[in-house]
C-alpha atoms as a PDB file:
ATOM      1  CA  UNK A   1      86.398 114.667 132.324  1.00  0.00           C
ATOM      2  CA  UNK A   2      87.514 112.424 129.441  1.00  0.00           C
ATOM      3  CA  UNK A   3      86.541 108.756 129.434  1.00  0.00           C
ATOM      4  CA  UNK A   4      89.265 106.256 130.346  1.00  0.00           C
ATOM      5  CA  UNK A   5      91.148 104.497 127.559  1.00  0.00           C
ATOM      6  CA  UNK A   6      90.887 100.752 127.033  1.00  0.00           C
ATOM      7  CA  UNK A   7      94.330 100.261 128.617  1.00  0.00           C
ATOM      8  CA  UNK A   8      93.428 102.346 131.641  1.00  0.00           C
ATOM      9  CA  UNK A   9      90.237 100.304 132.104  1.00  0.00           C
ATOM     10  CA  UNK A  10      92.226  97.085 131.638  1.00  0.00           C
ATOM     11  CA  UNK A  11      94.817  98.093 134.248  1.00  0.00           C
ATOM     12  CA  UNK A  12      92.031  99.029 136.634  1.00  0.00           C
ATOM     13  CA  UNK A  13      90.271  95.682 136.100  1.00  0.00           C
ATOM     14  CA  UNK A  14      93.468  93.658 136.583  1.00  0.00           C
ATOM     15  CA  UNK A  15      94.599  95.442 139.737  1.00  0.00           C
ATOM     16  CA  UNK A  16      94.252  92.836 142.499  1.00  0.00           C
ATOM     17  CA  UNK A  17      91.978  90.622 140.348  1.00  0.00           C
ATOM     18  CA  UNK A  18      92.869  87.519 138.305  1.00  0.00           C
ATOM     19  CA  UNK A  19      91.271  87.275 134.833  1.00  0.00           C
ATOM     20  CA  UNK A  20      91.738  85.459 131.530  1.00  0.00           C
ATOM     21  CA  UNK A  21      91.709  87.328 128.215  1.00  0.00           C
ATOM     22  CA  UNK A  22      88.224  85.954 127.485  1.00  0.00           C
ATOM     23  CA  UNK A  23      86.879  87.305 130.794  1.00  0.00           C
ATOM     24  CA  UNK A  24      88.518  90.683 130.159  1.00  0.00           C
ATOM     25  CA  UNK A  25      87.138  90.820 126.615  1.00  0.00           C
ATOM     26  CA  UNK A  26      83.646  90.246 127.963  1.00  0.00           C
ATOM     27  CA  UNK A  27      84.020  92.840 130.713  1.00  0.00           C
ATOM     28  CA  UNK A  28      85.465  95.549 128.473  1.00  0.00           C
ATOM     29  CA  UNK A  29      83.492  94.677 125.311  1.00  0.00           C
ATOM     30  CA  UNK A  30      86.676  94.316 123.235  1.00  0.00           C
ATOM     31  CA  UNK A  31      87.914  91.443 121.028  1.00  0.00           C
ATOM     32  CA  UNK A  32      90.231  88.970 122.770  1.00  0.00           C
ATOM     33  CA  UNK A  33      93.026  89.699 120.276  1.00  0.00           C
ATOM     34  CA  UNK A  34      92.857  93.387 121.170  1.00  0.00           C
ATOM     35  CA  UNK A  35      93.076  92.522 124.882  1.00  0.00           C
ATOM     36  CA  UNK A  36      96.240  90.503 124.154  1.00  0.00           C
ATOM     37  CA  UNK A  37      97.767  93.479 122.303  1.00  0.00           C
ATOM     38  CA  UNK A  38      96.956  95.814 125.184  1.00  0.00           C
ATOM     39  CA  UNK A  39      98.436  93.347 127.686  1.00  0.00           C
ATOM     40  CA  UNK A  40     101.763  93.394 125.805  1.00  0.00           C
ATOM     41  CA  UNK A  41     101.938  97.175 126.172  1.00  0.00           C
ATOM     42  CA  UNK A  42     100.905  97.013 129.816  1.00  0.00           C
ATOM     43  CA  UNK A  43     103.651  94.478 130.562  1.00  0.00           C
ATOM     44  CA  UNK A  44     106.226  96.799 128.968  1.00  0.00           C
ATOM     45  CA  UNK A  45     105.048  99.885 130.824  1.00  0.00           C
ATOM     46  CA  UNK A  46     104.859  98.108 134.194  1.00  0.00           C
ATOM     47  CA  UNK A  47     108.494  96.996 133.916  1.00  0.00           C
ATOM     48  CA  UNK A  48     109.436 100.599 134.722  1.00  0.00           C
ATOM     49  CA  UNK A  49     106.808 101.012 137.440  1.00  0.00           C
ATOM     50  CA  UNK A  50     108.130 100.295 140.931  1.00  0.00           C
ATOM     51  CA  UNK A  51     104.662 100.371 142.515  1.00  0.00           C
ATOM     52  CA  UNK A  52     102.973  97.684 140.405  1.00  0.00           C
ATOM     53  CA  UNK A  53     103.896  94.271 139.042  1.00  0.00           C
ATOM     54  CA  UNK A  54     102.293  92.251 136.229  1.00  0.00           C
ATOM     55  CA  UNK A  55     101.583  88.636 137.261  1.00  0.00           C
ATOM     56  CA  UNK A  56     100.761  85.832 134.844  1.00  0.00           C
ATOM     57  CA  UNK A  57      99.305  82.584 136.190  1.00  0.00           C
ATOM     58  CA  UNK A  58     100.581  80.123 133.565  1.00  0.00           C
ATOM     59  CA  UNK A  59      98.461  77.826 131.420  1.00  0.00           C
ATOM     60  CA  UNK A  60      98.044  74.232 132.603  1.00  0.00           C
ATOM     61  CA  UNK A  61      97.517  70.963 130.711  1.00  0.00           C
ATOM     62  CA  UNK A  62      94.275  69.437 131.972  1.00  0.00           C
ATOM     63  CA  UNK A  63      95.447  65.890 131.166  1.00  0.00           C
ATOM     64  CA  UNK A  64      99.024  65.562 132.466  1.00  0.00           C
ATOM     65  CA  UNK A  65      99.085  68.711 134.685  1.00  0.00           C
ATOM     66  CA  UNK A  66     102.099  70.201 132.848  1.00  0.00           C
ATOM     67  CA  UNK A  67     102.511  73.867 133.829  1.00  0.00           C
ATOM     68  CA  UNK A  68     103.717  76.282 131.127  1.00  0.00           C
ATOM     69  CA  UNK A  69     106.014  78.205 133.505  1.00  0.00           C
ATOM     70  CA  UNK A  70     108.689  79.097 130.947  1.00  0.00           C
ATOM     71  CA  UNK A  71     106.240  80.496 128.399  1.00  0.00           C
ATOM     72  CA  UNK A  72     106.679  84.225 127.858  1.00  0.00           C
ATOM     73  CA  UNK A  73     103.925  84.750 125.276  1.00  0.00           C
ATOM     74  CA  UNK A  74     100.642  85.882 126.767  1.00  0.00           C
ATOM     75  CA  UNK A  75      98.445  83.770 124.477  1.00  0.00           C
ATOM     76  CA  UNK A  76      97.210  80.293 125.345  1.00  0.00           C
ATOM     77  CA  UNK A  77      99.353  77.434 123.990  1.00  0.00           C
ATOM     78  CA  UNK A  78      97.648  75.151 121.470  1.00  0.00           C
ATOM     79  CA  UNK A  79      98.910  71.831 122.843  1.00  0.00           C
ATOM     80  CA  UNK A  80     100.965  70.317 125.623  1.00  0.00           C
ATOM     81  CA  UNK A  81     104.619  69.579 124.783  1.00  0.00           C
ATOM     82  CA  UNK A  82     104.610  66.565 127.108  1.00  0.00           C
ATOM     83  CA  UNK A  83     101.422  64.646 126.218  1.00  0.00           C
ATOM     84  CA  UNK A  84     100.256  66.542 123.077  1.00  0.00           C
ATOM     85  CA  UNK A  85      96.829  67.138 124.606  1.00  0.00           C
ATOM     86  CA  UNK A  86      94.898  70.187 123.410  1.00  0.00           C
ATOM     87  CA  UNK A  87      93.009  70.440 126.691  1.00  0.00           C
ATOM     88  CA  UNK A  88      94.821  73.466 128.085  1.00  0.00           C
ATOM     89  CA  UNK A  89      93.547  75.882 130.722  1.00  0.00           C
ATOM     90  CA  UNK A  90      94.079  79.487 129.695  1.00  0.00           C
ATOM     91  CA  UNK A  91      96.621  81.717 131.424  1.00  0.00           C
ATOM     92  CA  UNK A  92      95.236  84.388 133.753  1.00  0.00           C
ATOM     93  CA  UNK A  93      96.646  87.775 134.612  1.00  0.00           C
ATOM     94  CA  UNK A  94      96.604  90.367 137.374  1.00  0.00           C
ATOM     95  CA  UNK A  95      98.441  93.461 138.511  1.00  0.00           C
ATOM     96  CA  UNK A  96      99.801  93.439 142.022  1.00  0.00           C
ATOM     97  CA  UNK A  97     100.427  96.607 143.976  1.00  0.00           C
ATOM     98  CA  UNK A  98     103.867  96.721 145.609  1.00  0.00           C
ATOM     99  CA  UNK A  99     104.503  98.426 148.914  1.00  0.00           C
ATOM    100  CA  UNK A 100     107.591 100.571 148.298  1.00  0.00           C
ATOM    101  CA  UNK A 101     107.777 102.239 151.705  1.00  0.00           C
ATOM    102  CA  UNK A 102     111.279 102.087 153.156  1.00  0.00           C
END
Protein backbone atom coordinates (compact mmCIF):
# COMPACT_ATOMS: atom_id res chain seq x y z
CA UNK A 1 0.00 0.00 0.00
CA UNK A 2 1.50 3.37 -1.00
CA UNK A 3 2.47 5.86 1.70
CA UNK A 4 0.14 8.83 2.19
CA UNK A 5 1.01 12.14 0.54
CA UNK A 6 1.87 15.22 2.58
CA UNK A 7 -1.59 16.68 1.90
CA UNK A 8 -3.33 13.49 2.95
CA UNK A 9 -1.32 13.45 6.19
CA UNK A 10 -2.08 17.15 6.71
CA UNK A 11 -5.83 16.63 6.22
CA UNK A 12 -5.73 13.70 8.62
CA UNK A 13 -3.87 15.76 11.25
CA UNK A 14 -6.24 18.73 10.95
CA UNK A 15 -9.44 16.69 11.13
CA UNK A 16 -11.00 17.64 14.48
CA UNK A 17 -7.70 19.11 15.78
CA UNK A 18 -6.59 22.76 15.91
CA UNK A 19 -2.96 23.45 14.89
CA UNK A 20 -0.74 26.32 13.76
CA UNK A 21 1.53 25.99 10.72
CA UNK A 22 4.56 25.70 13.03
CA UNK A 23 2.97 22.79 14.93
CA UNK A 24 2.04 21.08 11.66
CA UNK A 25 5.54 21.59 10.26
CA UNK A 26 7.00 19.91 13.32
CA UNK A 27 4.55 17.02 13.21
CA UNK A 28 4.96 16.32 9.50
CA UNK A 29 8.67 17.22 9.24
CA UNK A 30 8.02 19.77 6.46
CA UNK A 31 9.01 23.45 6.17
CA UNK A 32 6.35 25.92 7.36
CA UNK A 33 6.19 27.55 3.92
CA UNK A 34 5.36 24.18 2.37
CA UNK A 35 2.59 23.65 4.94
CA UNK A 36 1.11 27.03 3.95
CA UNK A 37 1.17 26.02 0.26
CA UNK A 38 -0.55 22.73 1.03
CA UNK A 39 -3.18 24.52 3.14
CA UNK A 40 -4.10 26.73 0.16
CA UNK A 41 -4.78 23.64 -1.94
CA UNK A 42 -6.70 21.97 0.87
CA UNK A 43 -8.92 25.04 1.28
CA UNK A 44 -9.72 24.96 -2.45
CA UNK A 45 -10.50 21.26 -2.52
CA UNK A 46 -12.67 21.39 0.61
CA UNK A 47 -14.87 24.11 -0.91
CA UNK A 48 -16.39 21.36 -3.08
CA UNK A 49 -16.59 18.81 -0.26
CA UNK A 50 -19.96 18.77 1.48
CA UNK A 51 -18.74 16.49 4.29
CA UNK A 52 -15.84 18.61 5.57
CA UNK A 53 -15.21 22.29 6.26
CA UNK A 54 -11.92 24.16 6.68
CA UNK A 55 -11.89 26.36 9.81
CA UNK A 56 -9.35 29.10 10.49
CA UNK A 57 -9.07 30.54 14.00
CA UNK A 58 -7.84 34.07 13.19
CA UNK A 59 -4.65 35.68 14.46
CA UNK A 60 -4.94 37.95 17.50
CA UNK A 61 -2.94 41.01 18.60
CA UNK A 62 -1.51 40.25 22.03
CA UNK A 63 -1.45 43.95 23.00
CA UNK A 64 -4.81 45.44 21.97
CA UNK A 65 -6.71 42.14 21.40
CA UNK A 66 -7.57 43.02 17.77
CA UNK A 67 -8.85 39.92 15.96
CA UNK A 68 -7.92 39.51 12.28
CA UNK A 69 -11.37 38.20 11.28
CA UNK A 70 -11.42 39.67 7.76
CA UNK A 71 -8.01 38.29 6.80
CA UNK A 72 -8.21 35.70 4.04
CA UNK A 73 -4.50 34.90 3.74
CA UNK A 74 -3.42 31.90 5.77
CA UNK A 75 -0.09 33.38 6.88
CA UNK A 76 0.41 35.28 10.12
CA UNK A 77 0.15 39.08 9.81
CA UNK A 78 3.33 41.01 10.62
CA UNK A 79 1.73 43.79 12.68
CA UNK A 80 -1.57 44.98 14.07
CA UNK A 81 -3.40 47.61 11.99
CA UNK A 82 -4.84 49.20 15.13
CA UNK A 83 -1.85 49.55 17.50
CA UNK A 84 1.07 48.60 15.18
CA UNK A 85 2.26 45.95 17.63
CA UNK A 86 4.20 43.01 16.20
CA UNK A 87 3.10 40.74 19.04
CA UNK A 88 0.61 38.66 17.07
CA UNK A 89 -0.63 35.17 17.91
CA UNK A 90 -0.54 32.89 14.89
CA UNK A 91 -3.71 31.68 13.19
CA UNK A 92 -4.66 28.04 13.76
CA UNK A 93 -6.52 25.67 11.49
CA UNK A 94 -8.70 22.57 11.61
CA UNK A 95 -11.03 20.55 9.45
CA UNK A 96 -14.50 19.95 10.77
CA UNK A 97 -16.60 17.00 9.71
CA UNK A 98 -20.15 17.95 8.70
CA UNK A 99 -23.11 15.69 9.29
CA UNK A 100 -24.95 15.65 5.96
CA UNK A 101 -27.68 13.17 6.88
CA UNK A 102 -31.12 14.43 5.89
